[in-house]
C-alpha atoms as a PDB file:
ATOM      1  CA  MET A   1      -1.193  11.709  -4.580  1.00  0.00           C
ATOM      2  CA  VAL A   2      -0.011  14.402  -2.218  1.00  0.00           C
ATOM      3  CA  ARG A   3       0.750  13.307   1.302  1.00  0.00           C
ATOM      4  CA  PRO A   4      -0.474  15.703   4.002  1.00  0.00           C
ATOM      5  CA  PRO A   5       2.206  17.095   6.293  1.00  0.00           C
ATOM      6  CA  LEU A   6       2.848  15.189   9.496  1.00  0.00           C
ATOM      7  CA  SER A   7       1.623  16.629  12.746  1.00  0.00           C
ATOM      8  CA  PRO A   8       4.054  17.472  15.531  1.00  0.00           C
ATOM      9  CA  GLU A   9       2.688  14.461  17.433  1.00  0.00           C
ATOM     10  CA  GLU A  10       3.444  12.139  14.511  1.00  0.00           C
ATOM     11  CA  ARG A  11       6.966  13.496  14.246  1.00  0.00           C
ATOM     12  CA  GLU A  12       7.503  13.012  17.987  1.00  0.00           C
ATOM     13  CA  ARG A  13       6.182   9.450  17.784  1.00  0.00           C
ATOM     14  CA  GLY A  14       8.705   8.809  14.989  1.00  0.00           C
ATOM     15  CA  ARG A  15      11.530  10.109  17.185  1.00  0.00           C
ATOM     16  CA  ARG A  16      10.365   7.866  20.044  1.00  0.00           C
ATOM     17  CA  LEU A  17      10.228   4.883  17.691  1.00  0.00           C
ATOM     18  CA  GLY A  18      13.814   5.525  16.636  1.00  0.00           C
ATOM     19  CA  THR A  19      14.944   5.852  20.240  1.00  0.00           C
ATOM     20  CA  LEU A  20      13.184   2.634  21.282  1.00  0.00           C
ATOM     21  CA  LEU A  21      14.689   0.658  18.405  1.00  0.00           C
ATOM     22  CA  ARG A  22      18.149   2.077  19.077  1.00  0.00           C
ATOM     23  CA  GLN A  23      17.897   1.172  22.772  1.00  0.00           C
ATOM     24  CA  ALA A  24      16.626  -2.327  21.972  1.00  0.00           C
ATOM     25  CA  ARG A  25      19.532  -2.806  19.563  1.00  0.00           C
ATOM     26  CA  GLY A  26      21.875  -2.628  22.561  1.00  0.00           C
ATOM     27  CA  SER A  27      25.497  -3.328  21.704  1.00  0.00           C
ATOM     28  CA  ARG A  28      24.730  -4.664  18.235  1.00  0.00           C
ATOM     29  CA  THR A  29      25.798  -2.479  15.357  1.00  0.00           C
ATOM     30  CA  PRO A  30      23.252  -0.983  12.978  1.00  0.00           C
ATOM     31  CA  MET A  31      24.752  -3.170  10.251  1.00  0.00           C
ATOM     32  CA  GLU A  32      24.073  -6.324  12.289  1.00  0.00           C
ATOM     33  CA  VAL A  33      20.452  -5.340  12.898  1.00  0.00           C
ATOM     34  CA  ALA A  34      19.937  -4.310   9.279  1.00  0.00           C
ATOM     35  CA  ALA A  35      21.257  -7.669   8.080  1.00  0.00           C
ATOM     36  CA  ALA A  36      19.156  -9.610  10.608  1.00  0.00           C
ATOM     37  CA  SER A  37      15.986  -7.721   9.698  1.00  0.00           C
ATOM     38  CA  GLY A  38      16.393  -7.450   5.946  1.00  0.00           C
ATOM     39  CA  VAL A  39      16.005  -3.672   6.215  1.00  0.00           C
ATOM     40  CA  SER A  40      18.639  -1.547   4.522  1.00  0.00           C
ATOM     41  CA  LEU A  41      21.258   0.065   6.719  1.00  0.00           C
ATOM     42  CA  GLU A  42      20.307   3.499   5.398  1.00  0.00           C
ATOM     43  CA  ALA A  43      16.617   2.939   6.197  1.00  0.00           C
ATOM     44  CA  LEU A  44      17.507   1.783   9.714  1.00  0.00           C
ATOM     45  CA  ARG A  45      19.655   4.867  10.265  1.00  0.00           C
ATOM     46  CA  LYS A  46      16.877   7.152   9.066  1.00  0.00           C
ATOM     47  CA  ILE A  47      14.312   5.476  11.316  1.00  0.00           C
ATOM     48  CA  GLU A  48      16.599   5.534  14.364  1.00  0.00           C
ATOM     49  CA  SER A  49      17.347   9.220  13.818  1.00  0.00           C
ATOM     50  CA  GLY A  50      13.667  10.120  13.360  1.00  0.00           C
ATOM     51  CA  ARG A  51      14.129  11.252   9.746  1.00  0.00           C
ATOM     52  CA  VAL A  52      11.534   8.646   8.708  1.00  0.00           C
ATOM     53  CA  PRO A  53       8.831   9.142  11.327  1.00  0.00           C
ATOM     54  CA  THR A  54       6.252   6.843   9.701  1.00  0.00           C
ATOM     55  CA  PRO A  55       8.000   3.741   8.355  1.00  0.00           C
ATOM     56  CA  ALA A  56       5.945   0.934   6.846  1.00  0.00           C
ATOM     57  CA  PHE A  57       4.443  -1.576   9.260  1.00  0.00           C
ATOM     58  CA  PHE A  58       6.406  -4.531   7.892  1.00  0.00           C
ATOM     59  CA  THR A  59       9.643  -2.547   8.219  1.00  0.00           C
ATOM     60  CA  VAL A  60       8.896  -1.845  11.873  1.00  0.00           C
ATOM     61  CA  ALA A  61       7.866  -5.467  12.433  1.00  0.00           C
ATOM     62  CA  ALA A  62      11.089  -6.782  10.881  1.00  0.00           C
ATOM     63  CA  LEU A  63      13.231  -4.428  12.973  1.00  0.00           C
ATOM     64  CA  ALA A  64      11.315  -5.210  16.162  1.00  0.00           C
ATOM     65  CA  ARG A  65      11.759  -8.939  15.571  1.00  0.00           C
ATOM     66  CA  ALA A  66      15.479  -8.488  14.892  1.00  0.00           C
ATOM     67  CA  VAL A  67      16.023  -6.652  18.191  1.00  0.00           C
ATOM     68  CA  GLY A  68      13.654  -8.843  20.213  1.00  0.00           C
ATOM     69  CA  LEU A  69      11.094  -6.141  20.886  1.00  0.00           C
ATOM     70  CA  PRO A  70       7.487  -7.449  20.914  1.00  0.00           C
ATOM     71  CA  LEU A  71       5.162  -5.347  18.753  1.00  0.00           C
ATOM     72  CA  ASP A  72       2.580  -4.999  21.517  1.00  0.00           C
ATOM     73  CA  GLN A  73       5.196  -3.484  23.837  1.00  0.00           C
ATOM     74  CA  LEU A  74       6.362  -1.185  21.061  1.00  0.00           C
ATOM     75  CA  ALA A  75       2.790  -0.036  20.381  1.00  0.00           C
ATOM     76  CA  GLU A  76       2.194   0.659  24.071  1.00  0.00           C
ATOM     77  CA  ALA A  77       5.436   2.613  24.348  1.00  0.00           C
ATOM     78  CA  LEU A  78       4.517   4.752  21.341  1.00  0.00           C
ATOM     79  CA  ASP A  79       0.949   5.509  22.441  1.00  0.00           C
ATOM     80  CA  PRO A  80       0.931   8.647  24.604  1.00  0.00           C
ATOM     81  CA  THR A  81      -2.664   8.007  25.736  1.00  0.00           C
ATOM     82  CA  GLY A  82      -1.994   4.479  26.971  1.00  0.00           C
ATOM     83  CA  THR A  83      -4.831   3.103  24.856  1.00  0.00           C
ATOM     84  CA  ALA A  84      -2.813   1.339  22.135  1.00  0.00           C
ATOM     85  CA  LEU A  85      -4.314  -2.082  22.834  1.00  0.00           C
ATOM     86  CA  SER A  86      -7.768  -0.974  23.942  1.00  0.00           C
ATOM     87  CA  ALA A  87     -10.478  -1.909  21.486  1.00  0.00           C
END
């Protein structure tokens, strides 16, 4: 299966995700957050730097829980249209 290339918007959303997680991490080290979340340190670094712009949902959920960032707030922050929770 060939994965289609990511759009510029998807790449930008990945960079914003990394920034939000890094900010929420605060003074904790990446190693502390990786250990608390069960996500590898290398995966966390790649997500925070935007090199993995579309991490798996459960990876994002584990990281968000480890840094105390509610998923609904994260979704709203990553939705440029402001319609993340509208259904």
